PDB file of N, CA and C in Angstrom:
ATOM      1  N   MET A   1       0.855  -1.181   0.000  1.00  0.00           N
ATOM      2  CA  MET A   1       0.000   0.000   0.000  1.00  0.00           C
ATOM      3  C   MET A   1       0.895   1.236   0.000  1.00  0.00           C
ATOM      4  N   ASP A   2       0.626   2.157  -0.923  1.00  0.00           N
ATOM      5  CA  ASP A   2       1.416   3.379  -1.059  1.00  0.00           C
ATOM      6  C   ASP A   2       0.532   4.577  -0.696  1.00  0.00           C
ATOM      7  N   ILE A   3       0.678   5.074   0.524  1.00  0.00           N
ATOM      8  CA  ILE A   3      -0.179   6.156   1.022  1.00  0.00           C
ATOM      9  C   ILE A   3      -0.047   7.414   0.164  1.00  0.00           C
ATOM     10  N   GLU A   4       1.152   7.718  -0.301  1.00  0.00           N
ATOM     11  CA  GLU A   4       1.333   8.924  -1.120  1.00  0.00           C
ATOM     12  C   GLU A   4       0.582   8.822  -2.442  1.00  0.00           C
ATOM     13  N   LYS A   5       0.563   7.651  -3.058  1.00  0.00           N
ATOM     14  CA  LYS A   5      -0.186   7.479  -4.306  1.00  0.00           C
ATOM     15  C   LYS A   5      -1.685   7.579  -4.061  1.00  0.00           C
ATOM     16  N   ILE A   6      -2.146   7.033  -2.949  1.00  0.00           N
ATOM     17  CA  ILE A   6      -3.568   7.133  -2.606  1.00  0.00           C
ATOM     18  C   ILE A   6      -3.940   8.587  -2.353  1.00  0.00           C
ATOM     19  N   HIS A   7      -3.098   9.315  -1.645  1.00  0.00           N
ATOM     20  CA  HIS A   7      -3.333  10.735  -1.396  1.00  0.00           C
ATOM     21  C   HIS A   7      -3.386  11.499  -2.713  1.00  0.00           C
ATOM     22  N   SER A   8      -2.473  11.192  -3.614  1.00  0.00           N
ATOM     23  CA  SER A   8      -2.427  11.856  -4.918  1.00  0.00           C
ATOM     24  C   SER A   8      -3.710  11.605  -5.713  1.00  0.00           C
ATOM     25  N   LEU A   9      -4.232  10.404  -5.634  1.00  0.00           N
ATOM     26  CA  LEU A   9      -5.473  10.066  -6.324  1.00  0.00           C
ATOM     27  C   LEU A   9      -6.635  10.916  -5.819  1.00  0.00           C
ATOM     28  N   ILE A  10      -6.734  11.041  -4.502  1.00  0.00           N
ATOM     29  CA  ILE A  10      -7.792  11.862  -3.907  1.00  0.00           C
ATOM     30  C   ILE A  10      -7.587  13.331  -4.265  1.00  0.00           C
ATOM     31  N   SER A  11      -6.353  13.803  -4.206  1.00  0.00           N
ATOM     32  CA  SER A  11      -6.050  15.189  -4.584  1.00  0.00           C
ATOM     33  C   SER A  11      -6.467  15.466  -6.022  1.00  0.00           C
ATOM     34  N   ASP A  12      -6.152  14.536  -6.921  1.00  0.00           N
ATOM     35  CA  ASP A  12      -6.530  14.700  -8.330  1.00  0.00           C
ATOM     36  C   ASP A  12      -8.038  14.839  -8.487  1.00  0.00           C
ATOM     37  N   MET A  13      -8.792  14.034  -7.740  1.00  0.00           N
ATOM     38  CA  MET A  13     -10.242  14.127  -7.837  1.00  0.00           C
ATOM     39  C   MET A  13     -10.735  15.508  -7.398  1.00  0.00           C
ATOM     40  N   PHE A  14     -10.181  16.020  -6.297  1.00  0.00           N
ATOM     41  CA  PHE A  14     -10.636  17.327  -5.813  1.00  0.00           C
ATOM     42  C   PHE A  14     -10.203  18.464  -6.732  1.00  0.00           C
ATOM     43  N   ILE A  15      -9.063  18.348  -7.372  1.00  0.00           N
ATOM     44  CA  ILE A  15      -8.665  19.349  -8.367  1.00  0.00           C
ATOM     45  C   ILE A  15      -9.713  19.403  -9.475  1.00  0.00           C
ATOM     46  N   LEU A  16     -10.129  18.243  -9.950  1.00  0.00           N
ATOM     47  CA  LEU A  16     -11.125  18.181 -11.021  1.00  0.00           C
ATOM     48  C   LEU A  16     -12.480  18.697 -10.556  1.00  0.00           C
ATOM     49  N   ILE A  17     -12.861  18.382  -9.319  1.00  0.00           N
ATOM     50  CA  ILE A  17     -14.126  18.903  -8.784  1.00  0.00           C
ATOM     51  C   ILE A  17     -14.070  20.421  -8.708  1.00  0.00           C
ATOM     52  N   ASN A  18     -12.963  20.951  -8.186  1.00  0.00           N
ATOM     53  CA  ASN A  18     -12.820  22.402  -8.052  1.00  0.00           C
ATOM     54  C   ASN A  18     -12.807  23.108  -9.400  1.00  0.00           C
ATOM     55  N   GLU A  19     -12.348  22.425 -10.438  1.00  0.00           N
ATOM     56  CA  GLU A  19     -12.290  23.011 -11.783  1.00  0.00           C
ATOM     57  C   GLU A  19     -13.517  22.671 -12.627  1.00  0.00           C
ATOM     58  N   ASN A  20     -14.516  22.019 -12.020  1.00  0.00           N
ATOM     59  CA  ASN A  20     -15.765  21.650 -12.713  1.00  0.00           C
ATOM     60  C   ASN A  20     -15.522  20.794 -13.954  1.00  0.00           C
ATOM     61  N   LYS A  21     -14.604  19.874 -13.879  1.00  0.00           N
ATOM     62  CA  LYS A  21     -14.295  19.001 -15.015  1.00  0.00           C
ATOM     63  C   LYS A  21     -15.026  17.662 -14.853  1.00  0.00           C
ATOM     64  N   ASN A  22     -16.348  17.740 -14.993  1.00  0.00           N
ATOM     65  CA  ASN A  22     -17.190  16.568 -14.757  1.00  0.00           C
ATOM     66  C   ASN A  22     -16.859  15.394 -15.668  1.00  0.00           C
ATOM     67  N   GLU A  23     -16.602  15.655 -16.933  1.00  0.00           N
ATOM     68  CA  GLU A  23     -16.318  14.568 -17.869  1.00  0.00           C
ATOM     69  C   GLU A  23     -15.064  13.803 -17.437  1.00  0.00           C
ATOM     70  N   GLU A  24     -14.052  14.532 -17.028  1.00  0.00           N
ATOM     71  CA  GLU A  24     -12.811  13.902 -16.566  1.00  0.00           C
ATOM     72  C   GLU A  24     -13.044  13.119 -15.268  1.00  0.00           C
ATOM     73  N   ILE A  25     -13.881  13.651 -14.373  1.00  0.00           N
ATOM     74  CA  ILE A  25     -14.220  12.950 -13.128  1.00  0.00           C
ATOM     75  C   ILE A  25     -14.926  11.639 -13.456  1.00  0.00           C
ATOM     76  N   ARG A  26     -15.896  11.692 -14.370  1.00  0.00           N
ATOM     77  CA  ARG A  26     -16.615  10.481 -14.767  1.00  0.00           C
ATOM     78  C   ARG A  26     -15.660   9.457 -15.383  1.00  0.00           C
ATOM     79  N   ARG A  27     -14.766   9.918 -16.242  1.00  0.00           N
ATOM     80  CA  ARG A  27     -13.849   9.023 -16.936  1.00  0.00           C
ATOM     81  C   ARG A  27     -12.845   8.378 -15.974  1.00  0.00           C
ATOM     82  N   ARG A  28     -12.224   9.182 -15.135  1.00  0.00           N
ATOM     83  CA  ARG A  28     -11.159   8.668 -14.260  1.00  0.00           C
ATOM     84  C   ARG A  28     -11.662   7.962 -13.011  1.00  0.00           C
ATOM     85  N   PHE A  29     -12.795   8.438 -12.472  1.00  0.00           N
ATOM     86  CA  PHE A  29     -13.243   7.926 -11.177  1.00  0.00           C
ATOM     87  C   PHE A  29     -14.587   7.202 -11.230  1.00  0.00           C
ATOM     88  N   HIS A  30     -15.199   7.150 -12.417  1.00  0.00           N
ATOM     89  CA  HIS A  30     -16.470   6.440 -12.608  1.00  0.00           C
ATOM     90  C   HIS A  30     -17.543   6.945 -11.646  1.00  0.00           C
ATOM     91  N   ILE A  31     -17.610   8.256 -11.511  1.00  0.00           N
ATOM     92  CA  ILE A  31     -18.599   8.903 -10.640  1.00  0.00           C
ATOM     93  C   ILE A  31     -19.624   9.592 -11.536  1.00  0.00           C
ATOM     94  N   SER A  32     -20.892   9.333 -11.281  1.00  0.00           N
ATOM     95  CA  SER A  32     -21.967   9.901 -12.107  1.00  0.00           C
ATOM     96  C   SER A  32     -22.135  11.398 -11.851  1.00  0.00           C
ATOM     97  N   ASN A  33     -22.817  12.062 -12.788  1.00  0.00           N
ATOM     98  CA  ASN A  33     -23.118  13.486 -12.613  1.00  0.00           C
ATOM     99  C   ASN A  33     -23.906  13.734 -11.335  1.00  0.00           C
ATOM    100  N   GLU A  34     -24.818  12.823 -11.007  1.00  0.00           N
ATOM    101  CA  GLU A  34     -25.634  12.987  -9.804  1.00  0.00           C
ATOM    102  C   GLU A  34     -24.764  12.968  -8.545  1.00  0.00           C
ATOM    103  N   VAL A  35     -23.786  12.088  -8.522  1.00  0.00           N
ATOM    104  CA  VAL A  35     -22.903  12.009  -7.349  1.00  0.00           C
ATOM    105  C   VAL A  35     -21.977  13.222  -7.304  1.00  0.00           C
ATOM    106  N   ILE A  36     -21.496  13.665  -8.463  1.00  0.00           N
ATOM    107  CA  ILE A  36     -20.666  14.879  -8.504  1.00  0.00           C
ATOM    108  C   ILE A  36     -21.464  16.058  -7.958  1.00  0.00           C
ATOM    109  N   ASP A  37     -22.727  16.173  -8.382  1.00  0.00           N
ATOM    110  CA  ASP A  37     -23.595  17.241  -7.867  1.00  0.00           C
ATOM    111  C   ASP A  37     -23.794  17.105  -6.362  1.00  0.00           C
ATOM    112  N   GLU A  38     -23.932  15.868  -5.877  1.00  0.00           N
ATOM    113  CA  GLU A  38     -24.107  15.627  -4.447  1.00  0.00           C
ATOM    114  C   GLU A  38     -22.869  16.060  -3.661  1.00  0.00           C
ATOM    115  N   ILE A  39     -21.682  15.801  -4.204  1.00  0.00           N
ATOM    116  CA  ILE A  39     -20.432  16.229  -3.553  1.00  0.00           C
ATOM    117  C   ILE A  39     -20.410  17.754  -3.440  1.00  0.00           C
ATOM    118  N   ARG A  40     -20.711  18.430  -4.542  1.00  0.00           N
ATOM    119  CA  ARG A  40     -20.708  19.901  -4.523  1.00  0.00           C
ATOM    120  C   ARG A  40     -21.778  20.445  -3.581  1.00  0.00           C
ATOM    121  N   GLU A  41     -22.937  19.803  -3.573  1.00  0.00           N
ATOM    122  CA  GLU A  41     -24.027  20.241  -2.696  1.00  0.00           C
ATOM    123  C   GLU A  41     -23.656  20.044  -1.229  1.00  0.00           C
ATOM    124  N   THR A  42     -23.016  18.930  -0.894  1.00  0.00           N
ATOM    125  CA  THR A  42     -22.585  18.677   0.484  1.00  0.00           C
ATOM    126  C   THR A  42     -21.638  19.774   0.957  1.00  0.00           C
ATOM    127  N   ILE A  43     -20.690  20.124   0.105  1.00  0.00           N
ATOM    128  CA  ILE A  43     -19.713  21.165   0.465  1.00  0.00           C
ATOM    129  C   ILE A  43     -20.400  22.519   0.593  1.00  0.00           C
ATOM    130  N   SER A  44     -21.240  22.863  -0.373  1.00  0.00           N
ATOM    131  CA  SER A  44     -21.947  24.149  -0.340  1.00  0.00           C
ATOM    132  C   SER A  44     -22.879  24.242   0.856  1.00  0.00           C
ATOM    133  N   ASP A  45     -23.601  23.167   1.158  1.00  0.00           N
ATOM    134  CA  ASP A  45     -24.517  23.180   2.303  1.00  0.00           C
ATOM    135  C   ASP A  45     -23.757  23.344   3.616  1.00  0.00           C
ATOM    136  N   TYR A  46     -22.605  22.720   3.723  1.00  0.00           N
ATOM    137  CA  TYR A  46     -21.830  22.793   4.954  1.00  0.00           C
ATOM    138  C   TYR A  46     -21.355  24.224   5.225  1.00  0.00           C
ATOM    139  N   PHE A  47     -20.870  24.890   4.172  1.00  0.00           N
ATOM    140  CA  PHE A  47     -20.312  26.239   4.346  1.00  0.00           C
ATOM    141  C   PHE A  47     -21.314  27.352   4.081  1.00  0.00           C
ATOM    142  N   GLY A  48     -22.434  27.050   3.449  1.00  0.00           N
ATOM    143  CA  GLY A  48     -23.390  28.083   3.063  1.00  0.00           C
ATOM    144  C   GLY A  48     -23.109  28.629   1.678  1.00  0.00           C
ATOM    145  N   ASP A  49     -21.980  28.262   1.107  1.00  0.00           N
ATOM    146  CA  ASP A  49     -21.624  28.614  -0.271  1.00  0.00           C
ATOM    147  C   ASP A  49     -20.524  27.660  -0.723  1.00  0.00           C
ATOM    148  N   TRP A  50     -20.114  27.764  -1.988  1.00  0.00           N
ATOM    149  CA  TRP A  50     -19.098  26.861  -2.519  1.00  0.00           C
ATOM    150  C   TRP A  50     -17.715  27.219  -1.992  1.00  0.00           C
ATOM    151  N   ARG A  51     -16.946  26.231  -1.604  1.00  0.00           N
ATOM    152  CA  ARG A  51     -15.550  26.391  -1.206  1.00  0.00           C
ATOM    153  C   ARG A  51     -14.732  25.312  -1.900  1.00  0.00           C
ATOM    154  N   GLU A  52     -13.570  25.689  -2.384  1.00  0.00           N
ATOM    155  CA  GLU A  52     -12.663  24.695  -2.932  1.00  0.00           C
ATOM    156  C   GLU A  52     -11.993  23.967  -1.781  1.00  0.00           C
ATOM    157  N   LEU A  53     -12.029  22.642  -1.832  1.00  0.00           N
ATOM    158  CA  LEU A  53     -11.423  21.825  -0.789  1.00  0.00           C
ATOM    159  C   LEU A  53     -10.414  20.862  -1.397  1.00  0.00           C
ATOM    160  N   LYS A  54      -9.601  20.295  -0.516  1.00  0.00           N
ATOM    161  CA  LYS A  54      -8.608  19.301  -0.918  1.00  0.00           C
ATOM    162  C   LYS A  54      -8.296  18.456   0.306  1.00  0.00           C
ATOM    163  N   PRO A  55      -7.675  17.286   0.104  1.00  0.00           N
ATOM    164  CA  PRO A  55      -7.300  16.484   1.276  1.00  0.00           C
ATOM    165  C   PRO A  55      -6.151  17.148   2.027  1.00  0.00           C
ATOM    166  N   ILE A  56      -6.104  16.898   3.313  1.00  0.00           N
ATOM    167  CA  ILE A  56      -5.027  17.463   4.133  1.00  0.00           C
ATOM    168  C   ILE A  56      -3.675  17.035   3.556  1.00  0.00           C
ATOM    169  N   ASP A  57      -2.699  17.903   3.654  1.00  0.00           N
ATOM    170  CA  ASP A  57      -1.354  17.608   3.168  1.00  0.00           C
ATOM    171  C   ASP A  57      -0.814  16.378   3.893  1.00  0.00           C
ATOM    172  N   ILE A  58      -0.277  15.461   3.140  1.00  0.00           N
ATOM    173  CA  ILE A  58       0.192  14.196   3.713  1.00  0.00           C
ATOM    174  C   ILE A  58       1.308  14.416   4.732  1.00  0.00           C
ATOM    175  N   LYS A  59       2.175  15.377   4.512  1.00  0.00           N
ATOM    176  CA  LYS A  59       3.258  15.645   5.472  1.00  0.00           C
ATOM    177  C   LYS A  59       2.698  16.189   6.778  1.00  0.00           C
ATOM    178  N   LYS A  60       1.664  17.030   6.683  1.00  0.00           N
ATOM    179  CA  LYS A  60       1.041  17.560   7.899  1.00  0.00           C
ATOM    180  C   LYS A  60       0.414  16.415   8.684  1.00  0.00           C
ATOM    181  N   HIS A  61      -0.198  15.490   7.972  1.00  0.00           N
ATOM    182  CA  HIS A  61      -0.789  14.330   8.644  1.00  0.00           C
ATOM    183  C   HIS A  61       0.277  13.511   9.356  1.00  0.00           C
ATOM    184  N   LEU A  62       1.361  13.222   8.666  1.00  0.00           N
ATOM    185  CA  LEU A  62       2.403  12.377   9.246  1.00  0.00           C
ATOM    186  C   LEU A  62       3.048  13.020  10.471  1.00  0.00           C
ATOM    187  N   ASN A  63       3.054  14.357  10.534  1.00  0.00           N
ATOM    188  CA  ASN A  63       3.646  15.069  11.666  1.00  0.00           C
ATOM    189  C   ASN A  63       2.630  15.459  12.732  1.00  0.00           C
ATOM    190  N   SER A  64       1.368  15.100  12.503  1.00  0.00           N
ATOM    191  CA  SER A  64       0.308  15.500  13.423  1.00  0.00           C
ATOM    192  C   SER A  64       0.362  14.690  14.719  1.00  0.00           C
ATOM    193  N   ARG A  65       0.004  15.349  15.792  1.00  0.00           N
ATOM    194  CA  ARG A  65      -0.111  14.671  17.081  1.00  0.00           C
ATOM    195  C   ARG A  65      -1.570  14.579  17.506  1.00  0.00           C
ATOM    196  N   ALA A  66      -2.458  14.743  16.534  1.00  0.00           N
ATOM    197  CA  ALA A  66      -3.893  14.676  16.823  1.00  0.00           C
ATOM    198  C   ALA A  66      -4.246  13.281  17.335  1.00  0.00           C
ATOM    199  N   SER A  67      -5.262  13.219  18.162  1.00  0.00           N
ATOM    200  CA  SER A  67      -5.675  11.931  18.725  1.00  0.00           C
ATOM    201  C   SER A  67      -6.336  11.048  17.665  1.00  0.00           C
ATOM    202  N   LYS A  68      -6.835  11.665  16.633  1.00  0.00           N
ATOM    203  CA  LYS A  68      -7.499  10.944  15.548  1.00  0.00           C
ATOM    204  C   LYS A  68      -6.699  11.165  14.265  1.00  0.00           C
ATOM    205  N   PRO A  69      -6.484  10.121  13.467  1.00  0.00           N
ATOM    206  CA  PRO A  69      -5.713  10.305  12.225  1.00  0.00           C
ATOM    207  C   PRO A  69      -6.377  11.314  11.291  1.00  0.00           C
ATOM    208  N   MET A  70      -5.559  12.136  10.662  1.00  0.00           N
ATOM    209  CA  MET A  70      -6.055  13.133   9.714  1.00  0.00           C
ATOM    210  C   MET A  70      -6.174  12.538   8.309  1.00  0.00           C
ATOM    211  N   PHE A  71      -5.391  11.499   8.051  1.00  0.00           N
ATOM    212  CA  PHE A  71      -5.419  10.775   6.777  1.00  0.00           C
ATOM    213  C   PHE A  71      -5.186   9.315   7.126  1.00  0.00           C
ATOM    214  N   ASP A  72      -6.242   8.524   7.055  1.00  0.00           N
ATOM    215  CA  ASP A  72      -6.171   7.153   7.539  1.00  0.00           C
ATOM    216  C   ASP A  72      -6.491   6.183   6.409  1.00  0.00           C
ATOM    217  N   VAL A  73      -5.593   5.251   6.178  1.00  0.00           N
ATOM    218  CA  VAL A  73      -5.812   4.179   5.210  1.00  0.00           C
ATOM    219  C   VAL A  73      -5.749   2.877   5.998  1.00  0.00           C
ATOM    220  N   PHE A  74      -6.777   2.051   5.845  1.00  0.00           N
ATOM    221  CA  PHE A  74      -6.858   0.829   6.632  1.00  0.00           C
ATOM    222  C   PHE A  74      -7.305  -0.345   5.772  1.00  0.00           C
ATOM    223  N   SER A  75      -6.880  -1.542   6.152  1.00  0.00           N
ATOM    224  CA  SER A  75      -7.230  -2.764   5.416  1.00  0.00           C
ATOM    225  C   SER A  75      -8.706  -3.085   5.591  1.00  0.00           C
ATOM    226  N   MET A  76      -9.278  -3.635   4.542  1.00  0.00           N
ATOM    227  CA  MET A  76     -10.667  -4.095   4.569  1.00  0.00           C
ATOM    228  C   MET A  76     -10.640  -5.624   4.674  1.00  0.00           C
ATOM    229  N   ASN A  77     -11.796  -6.245   4.647  1.00  0.00           N
ATOM    230  CA  ASN A  77     -11.878  -7.705   4.754  1.00  0.00           C
ATOM    231  C   ASN A  77     -11.457  -8.423   3.486  1.00  0.00           C
ATOM    232  N   GLN A  78     -11.363  -7.712   2.393  1.00  0.00           N
ATOM    233  CA  GLN A  78     -10.972  -8.322   1.124  1.00  0.00           C
ATOM    234  C   GLN A  78      -9.523  -7.967   0.812  1.00  0.00           C
ATOM    235  N   PRO A  79      -8.790  -8.894   0.205  1.00  0.00           N
ATOM    236  CA  PRO A  79      -7.401  -8.579  -0.148  1.00  0.00           C
ATOM    237  C   PRO A  79      -7.329  -7.435  -1.156  1.00  0.00           C
ATOM    238  N   ASP A  80      -6.295  -6.626  -1.059  1.00  0.00           N
ATOM    239  CA  ASP A  80      -6.047  -5.518  -1.975  1.00  0.00           C
ATOM    240  C   ASP A  80      -7.150  -4.457  -1.960  1.00  0.00           C
ATOM    241  N   ARG A  81      -7.889  -4.380  -0.872  1.00  0.00           N
ATOM    242  CA  ARG A  81      -8.953  -3.384  -0.736  1.00  0.00           C
ATOM    243  C   ARG A  81      -8.729  -2.640   0.571  1.00  0.00           C
ATOM    244  N   TYR A  82      -8.785  -1.295   0.497  1.00  0.00           N
ATOM    245  CA  TYR A  82      -8.508  -0.452   1.657  1.00  0.00           C
ATOM    246  C   TYR A  82      -9.595   0.602   1.816  1.00  0.00           C
ATOM    247  N   GLY A  83      -9.863   0.952   3.043  1.00  0.00           N
ATOM    248  CA  GLY A  83     -10.713   2.091   3.330  1.00  0.00           C
ATOM    249  C   GLY A  83      -9.829   3.304   3.528  1.00  0.00           C
ATOM    250  N   VAL A  84     -10.350   4.472   3.198  1.00  0.00           N
ATOM    251  CA  VAL A  84      -9.597   5.700   3.425  1.00  0.00           C
ATOM    252  C   VAL A  84     -10.544   6.764   3.960  1.00  0.00           C
ATOM    253  N   GLU A  85     -10.075   7.484   4.944  1.00  0.00           N
ATOM    254  CA  GLU A  85     -10.784   8.630   5.511  1.00  0.00           C
ATOM    255  C   GLU A  85      -9.764   9.745   5.656  1.00  0.00           C
ATOM    256  N   CYS A  86     -10.128  10.924   5.181  1.00  0.00           N
ATOM    257  CA  CYS A  86      -9.188  12.034   5.347  1.00  0.00           C
ATOM    258  C   CYS A  86      -9.928  13.337   5.582  1.00  0.00           C
ATOM    259  N   VAL A  87      -9.298  14.160   6.398  1.00  0.00           N
ATOM    260  CA  VAL A  87      -9.806  15.486   6.691  1.00  0.00           C
ATOM    261  C   VAL A  87      -9.632  16.349   5.443  1.00  0.00           C
ATOM    262  N   LEU A  88     -10.645  17.132   5.132  1.00  0.00           N
ATOM    263  CA  LEU A  88     -10.557  18.065   4.016  1.00  0.00           C
ATOM    264  C   LEU A  88     -10.188  19.448   4.529  1.00  0.00           C
ATOM    265  N   VAL A  89      -9.355  20.138   3.778  1.00  0.00           N
ATOM    266  CA  VAL A  89      -8.928  21.490   4.121  1.00  0.00           C
ATOM    267  C   VAL A  89      -9.336  22.443   3.011  1.00  0.00           C
ATOM    268  N   ASP A  90      -9.399  23.741   3.351  1.00  0.00           N
ATOM    269  CA  ASP A  90      -9.750  24.732   2.333  1.00  0.00           C
ATOM    270  C   ASP A  90      -8.500  25.161   1.565  1.00  0.00           C
ATOM    271  N   ALA A  91      -8.655  26.119   0.684  1.00  0.00           N
ATOM    272  CA  ALA A  91      -7.552  26.564  -0.173  1.00  0.00           C
ATOM    273  C   ALA A  91      -6.375  27.122   0.625  1.00  0.00           C
ATOM    274  N   ASP A  92      -6.648  27.613   1.844  1.00  0.00           N
ATOM    275  CA  ASP A  92      -5.586  28.154   2.701  1.00  0.00           C
ATOM    276  C   ASP A  92      -5.051  27.115   3.687  1.00  0.00           C
ATOM    277  N   ASP A  93      -5.392  25.852   3.477  1.00  0.00           N
ATOM    278  CA  ASP A  93      -4.970  24.731   4.326  1.00  0.00           C
ATOM    279  C   ASP A  93      -5.551  24.760   5.729  1.00  0.00           C
ATOM    280  N   ASN A  94      -6.679  25.457   5.903  1.00  0.00           N
ATOM    281  CA  ASN A  94      -7.385  25.429   7.182  1.00  0.00           C
ATOM    282  C   ASN A  94      -8.222  24.160   7.244  1.00  0.00           C
ATOM    283  N   GLU A  95      -8.082  23.408   8.321  1.00  0.00           N
ATOM    284  CA  GLU A  95      -8.842  22.178   8.473  1.00  0.00           C
ATOM    285  C   GLU A  95     -10.326  22.478   8.585  1.00  0.00           C
ATOM    286  N   THR A  96     -11.130  21.606   7.988  1.00  0.00           N
ATOM    287  CA  THR A  96     -12.579  21.684   8.140  1.00  0.00           C
ATOM    288  C   THR A  96     -13.012  20.460   8.949  1.00  0.00           C
ATOM    289  N   GLU A  97     -14.287  20.390   9.260  1.00  0.00           N
ATOM    290  CA  GLU A  97     -14.816  19.206   9.939  1.00  0.00           C
ATOM    291  C   GLU A  97     -15.238  18.137   8.943  1.00  0.00           C
ATOM    292  N   LEU A  98     -15.142  18.431   7.652  1.00  0.00           N
ATOM    293  CA  LEU A  98     -15.559  17.471   6.636  1.00  0.00           C
ATOM    294  C   LEU A  98     -14.509  16.375   6.469  1.00  0.00           C
ATOM    295  N   ILE A  99     -15.003  15.154   6.364  1.00  0.00           N
ATOM    296  CA  ILE A  99     -14.134  13.991   6.191  1.00  0.00           C
ATOM    297  C   ILE A  99     -14.563  13.245   4.933  1.00  0.00           C
ATOM    298  N   PHE A 100     -13.594  13.011   4.073  1.00  0.00           N
ATOM    299  CA  PHE A 100     -13.799  12.281   2.823  1.00  0.00           C
ATOM    300  C   PHE A 100     -13.645  10.789   3.100  1.00  0.00           C
ATOM    301  N   HIS A 101     -14.599   9.991   2.599  1.00  0.00           N
ATOM    302  CA  HIS A 101     -14.588   8.537   2.784  1.00  0.00           C
ATOM    303  C   HIS A 101     -14.600   7.858   1.417  1.00  0.00           C
ATOM    304  N   ALA A 102     -13.725   6.887   1.254  1.00  0.00           N
ATOM    305  CA  ALA A 102     -13.674   6.141  -0.009  1.00  0.00           C
ATOM    306  C   ALA A 102     -13.087   4.766   0.251  1.00  0.00           C
ATOM    307  N   GLU A 103     -13.187   3.922  -0.769  1.00  0.00           N
ATOM    308  CA  GLU A 103     -12.500   2.642  -0.757  1.00  0.00           C
ATOM    309  C   GLU A 103     -11.518   2.638  -1.909  1.00  0.00           C
ATOM    310  N   ILE A 104     -10.384   2.019  -1.684  1.00  0.00           N
ATOM    311  CA  ILE A 104      -9.320   1.930  -2.681  1.00  0.00           C
ATOM    312  C   ILE A 104      -9.103   0.456  -3.006  1.00  0.00           C
ATOM    313  N   VAL A 105      -9.008   0.173  -4.299  1.00  0.00           N
ATOM    314  CA  VAL A 105      -8.724  -1.187  -4.746  1.00  0.00           C
ATOM    315  C   VAL A 105      -7.367  -1.164  -5.444  1.00  0.00           C
ATOM    316  N   ALA A 106      -6.464  -2.026  -4.989  1.00  0.00           N
ATOM    317  CA  ALA A 106      -5.146  -2.145  -5.621  1.00  0.00           C
ATOM    318  C   ALA A 106      -5.268  -3.137  -6.775  1.00  0.00           C
ATOM    319  N   THR A 107      -4.904  -2.684  -7.978  1.00  0.00           N
ATOM    320  CA  THR A 107      -4.960  -3.532  -9.165  1.00  0.00           C
ATOM    321  C   THR A 107      -3.573  -3.560  -9.805  1.00  0.00           C
ATOM    322  N   ALA A 108      -3.423  -4.378 -10.819  1.00  0.00           N
ATOM    323  CA  ALA A 108      -2.148  -4.437 -11.544  1.00  0.00           C
ATOM    324  C   ALA A 108      -1.833  -3.101 -12.205  1.00  0.00           C
ATOM    325  N   GLU A 109      -2.873  -2.326 -12.553  1.00  0.00           N
ATOM    326  CA  GLU A 109      -2.689  -1.024 -13.205  1.00  0.00           C
ATOM    327  C   GLU A 109      -2.473   0.110 -12.210  1.00  0.00           C
ATOM    328  N   GLY A 110      -2.656  -0.137 -10.942  1.00  0.00           N
ATOM    329  CA  GLY A 110      -2.523   0.911  -9.933  1.00  0.00           C
ATOM    330  C   GLY A 110      -3.725   0.902  -8.999  1.00  0.00           C
ATOM    331  N   TYR A 111      -3.995   2.024  -8.399  1.00  0.00           N
ATOM    332  CA  TYR A 111      -5.109   2.130  -7.465  1.00  0.00           C
ATOM    333  C   TYR A 111      -6.343   2.680  -8.157  1.00  0.00           C
ATOM    334  N   LYS A 112      -7.498   2.115  -7.790  1.00  0.00           N
ATOM    335  CA  LYS A 112      -8.785   2.637  -8.239  1.00  0.00           C
ATOM    336  C   LYS A 112      -9.560   3.053  -7.002  1.00  0.00           C
ATOM    337  N   MET A 113     -10.207   4.211  -7.097  1.00  0.00           N
ATOM    338  CA  MET A 113     -10.934   4.732  -5.949  1.00  0.00           C
ATOM    339  C   MET A 113     -12.423   4.616  -6.173  1.00  0.00           C
ATOM    340  N   GLU A 114     -13.121   4.205  -5.116  1.00  0.00           N
ATOM    341  CA  GLU A 114     -14.584   4.170  -5.107  1.00  0.00           C
ATOM    342  C   GLU A 114     -15.063   5.163  -4.053  1.00  0.00           C
ATOM    343  N   TYR A 115     -15.582   6.291  -4.516  1.00  0.00           N
ATOM    344  CA  TYR A 115     -16.087   7.323  -3.600  1.00  0.00           C
ATOM    345  C   TYR A 115     -17.246   6.766  -2.797  1.00  0.00           C
ATOM    346  N   LYS A 116     -17.282   7.073  -1.492  1.00  0.00           N
ATOM    347  CA  LYS A 116     -18.392   6.660  -0.638  1.00  0.00           C
ATOM    348  C   LYS A 116     -19.238   7.869  -0.216  1.00  0.00           C
ATOM    349  N   TYR A 117     -18.637   8.809   0.530  1.00  0.00           N
ATOM    350  CA  TYR A 117     -19.369  10.000   0.970  1.00  0.00           C
ATOM    351  C   TYR A 117     -18.431  10.990   1.638  1.00  0.00           C
ATOM    352  N   ILE A 118     -18.969  12.187   1.859  1.00  0.00           N
ATOM    353  CA  ILE A 118     -18.288  13.204   2.662  1.00  0.00           C
ATOM    354  C   ILE A 118     -19.181  13.455   3.867  1.00  0.00           C
ATOM    355  N   GLY A 119     -18.613  13.324   5.043  1.00  0.00           N
ATOM    356  CA  GLY A 119     -19.376  13.539   6.273  1.00  0.00           C
ATOM    357  C   GLY A 119     -18.626  14.466   7.208  1.00  0.00           C
ATOM    358  N   SER A 120     -19.229  14.720   8.353  1.00  0.00           N
ATOM    359  CA  SER A 120     -18.546  15.568   9.342  1.00  0.00           C
ATOM    360  C   SER A 120     -18.636  14.930  10.712  1.00  0.00           C
TER     361      SER A 120
END
């Protein structure tokens, strides 16, 4: 398991969300327009307006002394399948209460992400 590659995958998705590149999101992450809209709506509802978000910086996570992991990747019951939860930060790297949840599948081609939800 390569945490930096998993972090990069999540970062790439949020870059595309922030840039409104729905076609690229659908192609790379197999997420429907309805789910993309739900992601944007969750973020907008939480803040009262749209905010660009991204996963917490991996180095900040590794140096954190927080009681709860800021970027957590854990094994699932199936081989080569991992759960991931990470704190989302705004454009100025301020932590939010929003947590991104997904599952990662390790394949011969690399990692594939299955978005689950954003919660707080």
